[in-house]
Amino acid sequence: MNDGGSGEITQLLIDYHDGKREVLDQILPLVYDELRAIAGMYLANERKGHTLQPTALVHEAYMRLVDQRNVDWRNRAQFYGLAARMMRRILVNHAEAKRADKRGGSEPHTSLEDVTIAFDDTNFDLLDLNEVLDRLAALDKEKAEIVEMKFFGGMTTEEIVEATGRSTATIERGWTFARSWLYKELAGGRTR
């Protein structure tokens, strides 16, 4: 992830948190490409013809991010992690609204095909994944956060270490457990 050079994004986020609202216009150009990449990853797993476009997703997530008043911005990795979580929530809300609009509200879920342990080239229903990720969060919130940052945020292990302050070994163990657990839960959903 590009930091705009020498911690510029981190400093701008800290300044913004400290009440310097004028830096807001300086932040978006520095984070836009990375937020667009995160949005692209999310939407790549969505059905064809999705009505929400990457640009709209980026702008909605960005506005929600900068509206956060109780976040102690520590670094850009934390910012991108929270961005990934917000984009997930926006897409889930969008999917839930679409499902509710359908008669009976029970659109059939997309079946999982060739689910791999690393989630490469998976075809899944976002609402199914959200439900399973929520169950993981109830079991272990930290592991669910690792999944959001790595899978949805496209963050590396090192970036997650930076964002969370946890050790590399802790993040790697958490990712290994979470991948296996999610695989089992998602694959089991096909037979339910």
N, C-alpha and C. Protein backbone atom coordinates (compact mmCIF):
# COMPACT_ATOMS: atom_id res chain seq x y z
N MET A 1 0.85 -1.18 0.00
CA MET A 1 0.00 0.00 0.00
C MET A 1 0.89 1.23 0.00
N ASN A 2 0.55 2.18 -0.81
CA ASN A 2 1.32 3.40 -0.92
C ASN A 2 0.93 4.35 0.19
N ASP A 3 1.91 4.88 0.90
CA ASP A 3 1.62 5.77 2.02
C ASP A 3 1.80 7.23 1.64
N GLY A 4 1.91 7.54 0.37
CA GLY A 4 2.03 8.92 -0.01
C GLY A 4 3.38 9.49 0.41
N GLY A 5 4.27 8.65 0.90
CA GLY A 5 5.61 9.08 1.26
C GLY A 5 5.76 9.41 2.72
N SER A 6 6.64 8.70 3.37
CA SER A 6 7.12 9.02 4.71
C SER A 6 6.02 9.29 5.74
N GLY A 7 5.00 8.52 5.70
CA GLY A 7 3.97 8.63 6.73
C GLY A 7 3.02 9.80 6.56
N GLU A 8 2.96 10.33 5.35
CA GLU A 8 2.11 11.50 5.10
C GLU A 8 0.64 11.21 5.44
N ILE A 9 0.14 10.05 5.02
CA ILE A 9 -1.25 9.71 5.30
C ILE A 9 -1.47 9.60 6.81
N THR A 10 -0.55 8.92 7.48
CA THR A 10 -0.67 8.77 8.93
C THR A 10 -0.74 10.13 9.61
N GLN A 11 0.15 11.04 9.23
CA GLN A 11 0.17 12.36 9.86
C GLN A 11 -1.11 13.13 9.57
N LEU A 12 -1.60 13.04 8.33
CA LEU A 12 -2.85 13.72 7.98
C LEU A 12 -4.02 13.16 8.78
N LEU A 13 -4.06 11.84 8.96
CA LEU A 13 -5.13 11.23 9.76
C LEU A 13 -5.06 11.70 11.21
N ILE A 14 -3.87 11.77 11.74
CA ILE A 14 -3.70 12.26 13.13
C ILE A 14 -4.15 13.71 13.22
N ASP A 15 -3.73 14.53 12.24
CA ASP A 15 -4.14 15.94 12.22
C ASP A 15 -5.66 16.06 12.13
N TYR A 16 -6.28 15.24 11.29
CA TYR A 16 -7.73 15.27 11.15
C TYR A 16 -8.40 14.91 12.47
N HIS A 17 -7.89 13.87 13.11
CA HIS A 17 -8.44 13.45 14.41
C HIS A 17 -8.28 14.55 15.45
N ASP A 18 -7.20 15.30 15.36
CA ASP A 18 -6.93 16.38 16.31
C ASP A 18 -7.73 17.65 16.01
N GLY A 19 -8.63 17.59 15.03
CA GLY A 19 -9.52 18.71 14.77
C GLY A 19 -9.16 19.57 13.58
N LYS A 20 -8.13 19.23 12.86
CA LYS A 20 -7.73 20.02 11.68
C LYS A 20 -8.53 19.52 10.47
N ARG A 21 -9.76 19.96 10.35
CA ARG A 21 -10.66 19.48 9.32
C ARG A 21 -10.21 19.84 7.91
N GLU A 22 -9.38 20.86 7.79
CA GLU A 22 -8.94 21.30 6.46
C GLU A 22 -8.05 20.27 5.75
N VAL A 23 -7.48 19.31 6.48
CA VAL A 23 -6.62 18.30 5.85
C VAL A 23 -7.43 17.24 5.11
N LEU A 24 -8.75 17.24 5.31
CA LEU A 24 -9.61 16.25 4.67
C LEU A 24 -9.42 16.22 3.15
N ASP A 25 -9.32 17.38 2.54
CA ASP A 25 -9.14 17.45 1.08
C ASP A 25 -7.79 16.91 0.64
N GLN A 26 -6.82 16.85 1.52
CA GLN A 26 -5.50 16.32 1.18
C GLN A 26 -5.45 14.80 1.29
N ILE A 27 -6.33 14.21 2.10
CA ILE A 27 -6.29 12.77 2.35
C ILE A 27 -6.82 11.97 1.16
N LEU A 28 -7.97 12.34 0.61
CA LEU A 28 -8.61 11.54 -0.44
C LEU A 28 -7.70 11.25 -1.63
N PRO A 29 -7.00 12.23 -2.19
CA PRO A 29 -6.14 11.88 -3.34
C PRO A 29 -5.05 10.87 -2.99
N LEU A 30 -4.61 10.85 -1.74
CA LEU A 30 -3.55 9.93 -1.33
C LEU A 30 -4.06 8.51 -1.10
N VAL A 31 -5.33 8.37 -0.74
CA VAL A 31 -5.86 7.04 -0.41
C VAL A 31 -6.80 6.49 -1.47
N TYR A 32 -7.17 7.31 -2.44
CA TYR A 32 -8.19 6.92 -3.40
C TYR A 32 -7.86 5.63 -4.15
N ASP A 33 -6.64 5.53 -4.70
CA ASP A 33 -6.30 4.35 -5.50
C ASP A 33 -6.37 3.07 -4.67
N GLU A 34 -5.90 3.12 -3.44
CA GLU A 34 -5.94 1.93 -2.59
C GLU A 34 -7.38 1.58 -2.21
N LEU A 35 -8.20 2.59 -1.90
CA LEU A 35 -9.61 2.32 -1.59
C LEU A 35 -10.32 1.75 -2.81
N ARG A 36 -9.99 2.24 -3.98
CA ARG A 36 -10.60 1.72 -5.21
C ARG A 36 -10.19 0.26 -5.44
N ALA A 37 -8.95 -0.08 -5.11
CA ALA A 37 -8.49 -1.47 -5.23
C ALA A 37 -9.26 -2.37 -4.26
N ILE A 38 -9.47 -1.90 -3.04
CA ILE A 38 -10.24 -2.67 -2.05
C ILE A 38 -11.67 -2.86 -2.56
N ALA A 39 -12.28 -1.77 -3.06
CA ALA A 39 -13.64 -1.86 -3.60
C ALA A 39 -13.69 -2.83 -4.77
N GLY A 40 -12.68 -2.81 -5.61
CA GLY A 40 -12.63 -3.73 -6.74
C GLY A 40 -12.59 -5.18 -6.30
N MET A 41 -11.82 -5.46 -5.22
CA MET A 41 -11.76 -6.83 -4.69
C MET A 41 -13.13 -7.27 -4.19
N TYR A 42 -13.81 -6.38 -3.50
CA TYR A 42 -15.14 -6.71 -3.01
C TYR A 42 -16.09 -7.00 -4.17
N LEU A 43 -16.13 -6.10 -5.12
CA LEU A 43 -17.10 -6.21 -6.21
C LEU A 43 -16.76 -7.31 -7.19
N ALA A 44 -15.51 -7.74 -7.22
CA ALA A 44 -15.12 -8.86 -8.10
C ALA A 44 -15.84 -10.14 -7.70
N ASN A 45 -16.19 -10.25 -6.43
CA ASN A 45 -16.87 -11.45 -5.94
C ASN A 45 -18.40 -11.33 -5.99
N GLU A 46 -18.87 -10.20 -6.47
CA GLU A 46 -20.31 -9.99 -6.55
C GLU A 46 -20.85 -10.49 -7.88
N ARG A 47 -22.15 -10.61 -7.96
CA ARG A 47 -22.79 -11.08 -9.17
C ARG A 47 -22.60 -10.06 -10.30
N LYS A 48 -22.72 -10.54 -11.52
CA LYS A 48 -22.62 -9.65 -12.69
C LYS A 48 -23.78 -8.65 -12.65
N GLY A 49 -23.53 -7.45 -13.10
CA GLY A 49 -24.57 -6.44 -13.15
C GLY A 49 -24.89 -5.83 -11.80
N HIS A 50 -23.98 -5.92 -10.85
CA HIS A 50 -24.20 -5.32 -9.53
C HIS A 50 -24.44 -3.84 -9.70
N THR A 51 -25.43 -3.30 -9.00
CA THR A 51 -25.80 -1.90 -9.18
C THR A 51 -24.87 -0.93 -8.47
N LEU A 52 -24.06 -1.41 -7.55
CA LEU A 52 -23.13 -0.54 -6.84
C LEU A 52 -21.78 -0.59 -7.55
N GLN A 53 -21.29 0.55 -7.96
CA GLN A 53 -20.03 0.64 -8.70
C GLN A 53 -18.88 0.94 -7.74
N PRO A 54 -17.63 0.57 -8.09
CA PRO A 54 -16.48 0.81 -7.20
C PRO A 54 -16.35 2.26 -6.75
N THR A 55 -16.55 3.20 -7.66
CA THR A 55 -16.41 4.61 -7.30
C THR A 55 -17.42 5.01 -6.23
N ALA A 56 -18.66 4.58 -6.39
CA ALA A 56 -19.69 4.89 -5.40
C ALA A 56 -19.37 4.24 -4.06
N LEU A 57 -18.88 3.01 -4.11
CA LEU A 57 -18.51 2.31 -2.88
C LEU A 57 -17.36 3.03 -2.17
N VAL A 58 -16.36 3.46 -2.93
CA VAL A 58 -15.23 4.20 -2.35
C VAL A 58 -15.72 5.48 -1.70
N HIS A 59 -16.54 6.24 -2.38
CA HIS A 59 -16.98 7.53 -1.85
C HIS A 59 -17.85 7.36 -0.60
N GLU A 60 -18.73 6.37 -0.63
CA GLU A 60 -19.57 6.15 0.56
C GLU A 60 -18.72 5.70 1.75
N ALA A 61 -17.79 4.79 1.51
CA ALA A 61 -16.92 4.32 2.60
C ALA A 61 -16.04 5.46 3.11
N TYR A 62 -15.49 6.26 2.21
CA TYR A 62 -14.62 7.37 2.61
C TYR A 62 -15.39 8.35 3.49
N MET A 63 -16.61 8.70 3.09
CA MET A 63 -17.39 9.64 3.88
C MET A 63 -17.69 9.07 5.27
N ARG A 64 -17.95 7.78 5.35
CA ARG A 64 -18.18 7.16 6.66
C ARG A 64 -16.90 7.15 7.49
N LEU A 65 -15.78 6.90 6.82
CA LEU A 65 -14.50 6.86 7.54
C LEU A 65 -14.16 8.20 8.16
N VAL A 66 -14.24 9.24 7.37
CA VAL A 66 -13.83 10.55 7.89
C VAL A 66 -14.86 11.12 8.86
N ASP A 67 -16.02 10.50 8.91
CA ASP A 67 -17.04 10.94 9.86
C ASP A 67 -16.84 10.29 11.24
N GLN A 68 -15.89 9.37 11.34
CA GLN A 68 -15.63 8.69 12.60
C GLN A 68 -15.02 9.67 13.59
N ARG A 69 -15.61 9.83 14.73
CA ARG A 69 -15.13 10.78 15.73
C ARG A 69 -14.32 10.11 16.84
N ASN A 70 -14.54 8.83 17.06
CA ASN A 70 -13.91 8.15 18.19
C ASN A 70 -12.77 7.23 17.77
N VAL A 71 -12.20 7.46 16.61
CA VAL A 71 -11.09 6.62 16.16
C VAL A 71 -9.79 7.35 16.46
N ASP A 72 -8.90 6.67 17.14
CA ASP A 72 -7.57 7.20 17.41
C ASP A 72 -6.67 6.74 16.28
N TRP A 73 -6.60 7.53 15.21
CA TRP A 73 -5.85 7.13 14.02
C TRP A 73 -4.39 6.96 14.37
N ARG A 74 -3.87 5.74 14.16
CA ARG A 74 -2.47 5.44 14.45
C ARG A 74 -1.64 5.35 13.19
N ASN A 75 -2.22 4.84 12.11
CA ASN A 75 -1.46 4.65 10.88
C ASN A 75 -2.40 4.36 9.73
N ARG A 76 -1.83 4.36 8.52
CA ARG A 76 -2.63 4.15 7.32
C ARG A 76 -3.18 2.73 7.26
N ALA A 77 -2.47 1.75 7.81
CA ALA A 77 -2.95 0.37 7.78
C ALA A 77 -4.25 0.26 8.57
N GLN A 78 -4.33 0.95 9.69
CA GLN A 78 -5.56 0.97 10.47
C GLN A 78 -6.69 1.60 9.64
N PHE A 79 -6.38 2.66 8.93
CA PHE A 79 -7.35 3.34 8.08
C PHE A 79 -7.89 2.39 7.01
N TYR A 80 -6.98 1.68 6.32
CA TYR A 80 -7.41 0.76 5.27
C TYR A 80 -8.17 -0.43 5.84
N GLY A 81 -7.79 -0.88 7.02
CA GLY A 81 -8.53 -1.97 7.67
C GLY A 81 -9.96 -1.56 7.97
N LEU A 82 -10.11 -0.36 8.50
CA LEU A 82 -11.46 0.14 8.79
C LEU A 82 -12.23 0.39 7.49
N ALA A 83 -11.53 0.82 6.45
CA ALA A 83 -12.17 1.02 5.14
C ALA A 83 -12.74 -0.30 4.63
N ALA A 84 -11.96 -1.37 4.76
CA ALA A 84 -12.43 -2.68 4.31
C ALA A 84 -13.68 -3.10 5.08
N ARG A 85 -13.68 -2.87 6.38
CA ARG A 85 -14.84 -3.22 7.20
C ARG A 85 -16.06 -2.41 6.79
N MET A 86 -15.87 -1.12 6.51
CA MET A 86 -16.99 -0.27 6.11
C MET A 86 -17.54 -0.70 4.75
N MET A 87 -16.65 -1.04 3.82
CA MET A 87 -17.11 -1.48 2.50
C MET A 87 -17.90 -2.77 2.62
N ARG A 88 -17.43 -3.67 3.46
CA ARG A 88 -18.17 -4.92 3.69
C ARG A 88 -19.57 -4.60 4.20
N ARG A 89 -19.68 -3.70 5.17
CA ARG A 89 -20.97 -3.36 5.76
C ARG A 89 -21.88 -2.71 4.71
N ILE A 90 -21.33 -1.82 3.88
CA ILE A 90 -22.12 -1.17 2.83
C ILE A 90 -22.66 -2.21 1.86
N LEU A 91 -21.82 -3.13 1.42
CA LEU A 91 -22.25 -4.16 0.47
C LEU A 91 -23.27 -5.10 1.10
N VAL A 92 -23.08 -5.46 2.35
CA VAL A 92 -24.05 -6.33 3.02
C VAL A 92 -25.39 -5.62 3.14
N ASN A 93 -25.36 -4.35 3.54
CA ASN A 93 -26.62 -3.59 3.62
C ASN A 93 -27.30 -3.52 2.27
N HIS A 94 -26.52 -3.32 1.22
CA HIS A 94 -27.06 -3.26 -0.14
C HIS A 94 -27.68 -4.61 -0.54
N ALA A 95 -26.96 -5.69 -0.24
CA ALA A 95 -27.46 -7.04 -0.57
C ALA A 95 -28.73 -7.37 0.22
N GLU A 96 -28.75 -6.98 1.50
CA GLU A 96 -29.94 -7.24 2.32
C GLU A 96 -31.14 -6.47 1.79
N ALA A 97 -30.91 -5.23 1.37
CA ALA A 97 -32.01 -4.43 0.83
C ALA A 97 -32.53 -5.03 -0.47
N LYS A 98 -31.61 -5.49 -1.34
CA LYS A 98 -32.03 -6.12 -2.59
C LYS A 98 -32.84 -7.39 -2.31
N ARG A 99 -32.40 -8.18 -1.36
CA ARG A 99 -33.09 -9.42 -1.02
C ARG A 99 -34.48 -9.11 -0.45
N ALA A 100 -34.55 -8.08 0.37
CA ALA A 100 -35.83 -7.72 0.97
C ALA A 100 -36.81 -7.22 -0.09
N ASP A 101 -36.29 -6.62 -1.16
CA ASP A 101 -37.15 -6.13 -2.23
C ASP A 101 -37.78 -7.26 -3.04
N LYS A 102 -37.14 -8.40 -3.05
CA LYS A 102 -37.68 -9.54 -3.79
C LYS A 102 -38.90 -10.08 -3.03
N ARG A 103 -39.84 -10.61 -3.76
CA ARG A 103 -41.00 -11.21 -3.08
C ARG A 103 -40.54 -12.36 -2.21
N GLY A 104 -40.99 -12.34 -0.99
CA GLY A 104 -40.64 -13.40 -0.06
C GLY A 104 -39.27 -13.22 0.55
N GLY A 105 -38.44 -12.33 0.00
CA GLY A 105 -37.14 -12.04 0.57
C GLY A 105 -36.21 -13.22 0.66
N SER A 106 -36.42 -14.24 -0.13
CA SER A 106 -35.57 -15.43 0.02
C SER A 106 -34.93 -15.83 -1.31
N GLU A 107 -34.23 -14.89 -1.91
CA GLU A 107 -33.51 -15.20 -3.14
C GLU A 107 -32.54 -16.34 -2.86
N PRO A 108 -32.47 -17.33 -3.73
CA PRO A 108 -31.55 -18.44 -3.46
C PRO A 108 -30.11 -17.96 -3.43
N HIS A 109 -29.33 -18.56 -2.54
CA HIS A 109 -27.94 -18.21 -2.39
C HIS A 109 -27.12 -18.84 -3.51
N THR A 110 -26.07 -18.15 -3.91
CA THR A 110 -25.16 -18.70 -4.89
C THR A 110 -24.41 -19.85 -4.24
N SER A 111 -24.39 -20.98 -4.90
CA SER A 111 -23.67 -22.11 -4.32
C SER A 111 -22.18 -21.88 -4.41
N LEU A 112 -21.46 -22.48 -3.53
CA LEU A 112 -20.00 -22.39 -3.53
C LEU A 112 -19.45 -23.42 -4.49
N GLU A 113 -18.57 -22.98 -5.35
CA GLU A 113 -17.96 -23.91 -6.29
C GLU A 113 -16.46 -23.79 -6.15
N ASP A 114 -15.84 -24.94 -5.99
CA ASP A 114 -14.38 -24.99 -5.91
C ASP A 114 -13.82 -24.04 -4.85
N VAL A 115 -14.40 -24.09 -3.65
CA VAL A 115 -13.89 -23.25 -2.58
C VAL A 115 -12.49 -23.74 -2.23
N THR A 116 -11.54 -22.83 -2.21
CA THR A 116 -10.18 -23.22 -1.86
C THR A 116 -9.86 -22.67 -0.49
N ILE A 117 -8.86 -23.26 0.13
CA ILE A 117 -8.48 -22.87 1.48
C ILE A 117 -8.03 -21.41 1.54
N ALA A 118 -7.54 -20.88 0.43
CA ALA A 118 -7.08 -19.49 0.43
C ALA A 118 -8.12 -18.54 -0.16
N PHE A 119 -9.28 -19.04 -0.48
CA PHE A 119 -10.38 -18.26 -1.04
C PHE A 119 -10.08 -17.73 -2.43
N ASP A 120 -9.10 -18.29 -3.12
CA ASP A 120 -8.79 -17.86 -4.48
C ASP A 120 -9.87 -18.38 -5.41
N ASP A 121 -10.31 -17.52 -6.31
CA ASP A 121 -11.30 -17.88 -7.33
C ASP A 121 -12.56 -18.51 -6.74
N THR A 122 -13.03 -17.99 -5.61
CA THR A 122 -14.24 -18.54 -5.02
C THR A 122 -15.46 -17.82 -5.56
N ASN A 123 -16.57 -18.51 -5.54
CA ASN A 123 -17.84 -17.94 -5.92
C ASN A 123 -18.75 -18.12 -4.72
N PHE A 124 -19.03 -17.01 -4.04
CA PHE A 124 -19.83 -17.13 -2.83
C PHE A 124 -20.84 -16.00 -2.78
N ASP A 125 -21.83 -16.19 -1.96
CA ASP A 125 -22.83 -15.18 -1.72
C ASP A 125 -22.33 -14.31 -0.58
N LEU A 126 -22.33 -12.99 -0.78
CA LEU A 126 -21.81 -12.06 0.24
C LEU A 126 -22.57 -12.19 1.55
N LEU A 127 -23.87 -12.40 1.48
CA LEU A 127 -24.63 -12.53 2.72
C LEU A 127 -24.26 -13.81 3.46
N ASP A 128 -23.98 -14.90 2.72
CA ASP A 128 -23.51 -16.12 3.37
C ASP A 128 -22.17 -15.87 4.07
N LEU A 129 -21.24 -15.24 3.34
CA LEU A 129 -19.93 -14.96 3.91
C LEU A 129 -20.06 -14.03 5.11
N ASN A 130 -20.91 -13.03 5.01
CA ASN A 130 -21.10 -12.11 6.13
C ASN A 130 -21.62 -12.84 7.36
N GLU A 131 -22.59 -13.74 7.15
CA GLU A 131 -23.15 -14.50 8.26
C GLU A 131 -22.08 -15.37 8.93
N VAL A 132 -21.28 -16.03 8.12
CA VAL A 132 -20.23 -16.89 8.66
C VAL A 132 -19.16 -16.05 9.36
N LEU A 133 -18.82 -14.90 8.78
CA LEU A 133 -17.82 -14.03 9.40
C LEU A 133 -18.33 -13.46 10.71
N ASP A 134 -19.62 -13.17 10.78
CA ASP A 134 -20.22 -12.72 12.05
C ASP A 134 -20.14 -13.82 13.11
N ARG A 135 -20.35 -15.07 12.69
CA ARG A 135 -20.22 -16.18 13.65
C ARG A 135 -18.79 -16.31 14.13
N LEU A 136 -17.83 -16.12 13.22
CA LEU A 136 -16.42 -16.16 13.63
C LEU A 136 -16.13 -15.02 14.60
N ALA A 137 -16.68 -13.84 14.35
CA ALA A 137 -16.45 -12.70 15.25
C ALA A 137 -17.01 -12.98 16.64
N ALA A 138 -18.14 -13.68 16.71
CA ALA A 138 -18.70 -14.04 18.01
C ALA A 138 -17.79 -15.03 18.73
N LEU A 139 -17.14 -15.89 17.96
CA LEU A 139 -16.22 -16.87 18.51
C LEU A 139 -14.88 -16.23 18.85
N ASP A 140 -14.36 -15.41 17.93
CA ASP A 140 -13.05 -14.78 18.12
C ASP A 140 -12.97 -13.52 17.26
N LYS A 141 -13.22 -12.38 17.88
CA LYS A 141 -13.28 -11.11 17.16
C LYS A 141 -11.96 -10.79 16.46
N GLU A 142 -10.84 -11.07 17.10
CA GLU A 142 -9.54 -10.76 16.50
C GLU A 142 -9.31 -11.53 15.20
N LYS A 143 -9.71 -12.79 15.16
CA LYS A 143 -9.53 -13.59 13.94
C LYS A 143 -10.44 -13.07 12.82
N ALA A 144 -11.65 -12.64 13.18
CA ALA A 144 -12.55 -12.07 12.18
C ALA A 144 -11.96 -10.77 11.61
N GLU A 145 -11.33 -9.97 12.44
CA GLU A 145 -10.69 -8.74 11.98
C GLU A 145 -9.53 -9.05 11.03
N ILE A 146 -8.78 -10.10 11.32
CA ILE A 146 -7.69 -10.51 10.43
C ILE A 146 -8.24 -10.86 9.05
N VAL A 147 -9.36 -11.60 9.02
CA VAL A 147 -9.97 -11.97 7.74
C VAL A 147 -10.40 -10.71 6.98
N GLU A 148 -11.05 -9.79 7.66
CA GLU A 148 -11.49 -8.56 7.00
C GLU A 148 -10.31 -7.81 6.40
N MET A 149 -9.24 -7.67 7.18
CA MET A 149 -8.09 -6.90 6.69
C MET A 149 -7.37 -7.62 5.55
N LYS A 150 -7.22 -8.93 5.68
CA LYS A 150 -6.45 -9.68 4.67
C LYS A 150 -7.30 -9.97 3.43
N PHE A 151 -8.47 -10.52 3.62
CA PHE A 151 -9.30 -10.93 2.48
C PHE A 151 -9.98 -9.75 1.82
N PHE A 152 -10.62 -8.91 2.61
CA PHE A 152 -11.35 -7.80 2.04
C PHE A 152 -10.49 -6.56 1.84
N GLY A 153 -9.55 -6.33 2.73
CA GLY A 153 -8.71 -5.15 2.63
C GLY A 153 -7.47 -5.34 1.79
N GLY A 154 -7.16 -6.59 1.47
CA GLY A 154 -5.98 -6.86 0.67
C GLY A 154 -4.68 -6.54 1.39
N MET A 155 -4.72 -6.52 2.71
CA MET A 155 -3.54 -6.14 3.50
C MET A 155 -2.60 -7.33 3.66
N THR A 156 -1.33 -7.04 3.72
CA THR A 156 -0.34 -8.08 3.98
C THR A 156 -0.27 -8.35 5.47
N THR A 157 0.39 -9.44 5.83
CA THR A 157 0.58 -9.76 7.24
C THR A 157 1.29 -8.62 7.94
N GLU A 158 2.31 -8.06 7.30
CA GLU A 158 3.07 -6.96 7.91
C GLU A 158 2.19 -5.74 8.16
N GLU A 159 1.31 -5.44 7.22
CA GLU A 159 0.41 -4.30 7.39
C GLU A 159 -0.59 -4.55 8.52
N ILE A 160 -1.03 -5.79 8.66
CA ILE A 160 -1.95 -6.11 9.76
C ILE A 160 -1.22 -6.01 11.09
N VAL A 161 0.03 -6.46 11.14
CA VAL A 161 0.84 -6.32 12.35
C VAL A 161 0.94 -4.84 12.72
N GLU A 162 1.20 -4.00 11.72
CA GLU A 162 1.32 -2.55 11.94
C GLU A 162 0.01 -1.96 12.44
N ALA A 163 -1.11 -2.39 11.85
CA ALA A 163 -2.42 -1.84 12.21
C ALA A 163 -2.88 -2.28 13.59
N THR A 164 -2.55 -3.50 13.96
CA THR A 164 -3.09 -4.06 15.21
C THR A 164 -2.11 -4.05 16.38
N GLY A 165 -0.81 -3.98 16.07
CA GLY A 165 0.19 -4.04 17.13
C GLY A 165 0.44 -5.45 17.63
N ARG A 166 -0.14 -6.46 16.94
CA ARG A 166 0.09 -7.86 17.32
C ARG A 166 1.34 -8.37 16.61
N SER A 167 1.85 -9.50 17.08
CA SER A 167 3.05 -10.08 16.48
C SER A 167 2.73 -10.76 15.16
N THR A 168 3.76 -10.92 14.34
CA THR A 168 3.61 -11.61 13.06
C THR A 168 3.11 -13.03 13.28
N ALA A 169 3.68 -13.72 14.27
CA ALA A 169 3.27 -15.10 14.54
C ALA A 169 1.80 -15.17 14.94
N THR A 170 1.33 -14.21 15.73
CA THR A 170 -0.07 -14.19 16.15
C THR A 170 -0.99 -13.99 14.95
N ILE A 171 -0.61 -13.08 14.07
CA ILE A 171 -1.44 -12.82 12.89
C ILE A 171 -1.46 -14.05 11.98
N GLU A 172 -0.31 -14.66 11.75
CA GLU A 172 -0.25 -15.84 10.88
C GLU A 172 -1.05 -17.01 11.45
N ARG A 173 -0.94 -17.24 12.77
CA ARG A 173 -1.73 -18.31 13.39
C ARG A 173 -3.23 -18.00 13.28
N GLY A 174 -3.59 -16.74 13.52
CA GLY A 174 -4.99 -16.34 13.42
C GLY A 174 -5.54 -16.51 12.02
N TRP A 175 -4.74 -16.16 11.00
CA TRP A 175 -5.16 -16.29 9.61
C TRP A 175 -5.32 -17.75 9.23
N THR A 176 -4.39 -18.59 9.68
CA THR A 176 -4.46 -20.02 9.37
C THR A 176 -5.73 -20.62 9.98
N PHE A 177 -5.99 -20.30 11.24
CA PHE A 177 -7.19 -20.81 11.90
C PHE A 177 -8.45 -20.30 11.20
N ALA A 178 -8.50 -18.99 10.95
CA ALA A 178 -9.70 -18.38 10.37
C ALA A 178 -9.99 -18.94 8.98
N ARG A 179 -8.96 -19.11 8.15
CA ARG A 179 -9.15 -19.68 6.81
C ARG A 179 -9.77 -21.06 6.90
N SER A 180 -9.21 -21.90 7.75
CA SER A 180 -9.72 -23.27 7.90
C SER A 180 -11.14 -23.27 8.41
N TRP A 181 -11.40 -22.45 9.41
CA TRP A 181 -12.73 -22.39 10.01
C TRP A 181 -13.76 -21.90 8.99
N LEU A 182 -13.43 -20.82 8.28
CA LEU A 182 -14.36 -20.28 7.29
C LEU A 182 -14.60 -21.27 6.14
N TYR A 183 -13.53 -21.93 5.71
CA TYR A 183 -13.67 -22.93 4.65
C TYR A 183 -14.66 -24.00 5.08
N LYS A 184 -14.48 -24.51 6.28
CA LYS A 184 -15.36 -25.56 6.79
C LYS A 184 -16.80 -25.06 6.88
N GLU A 185 -17.00 -23.87 7.39
CA GLU A 185 -18.34 -23.33 7.54
C GLU A 185 -19.00 -23.05 6.20
N LEU A 186 -18.25 -22.45 5.28
CA LEU A 186 -18.82 -22.13 3.96
C LEU A 186 -19.08 -23.39 3.16
N ALA A 187 -18.15 -24.34 3.18
CA ALA A 187 -18.35 -25.57 2.44
C ALA A 187 -19.49 -26.38 3.03
N GLY A 188 -19.65 -26.35 4.34
CA GLY A 188 -20.75 -27.03 5.00
C GLY A 188 -22.09 -26.43 4.66
N GLY A 189 -22.10 -25.13 4.31
CA GLY A 189 -23.33 -24.44 3.96
C GLY A 189 -23.95 -24.96 2.68
N ARG A 190 -23.13 -25.60 1.82
CA ARG A 190 -23.68 -26.12 0.56
C ARG A 190 -24.63 -27.27 0.78
N THR A 191 -24.42 -27.97 1.89
CA THR A 191 -25.25 -29.16 2.13
C THR A 191 -26.41 -28.87 3.08
N ARG A 192 -26.49 -27.65 3.57
CA ARG A 192 -27.55 -27.31 4.53
C ARG A 192 -28.86 -27.03 3.86
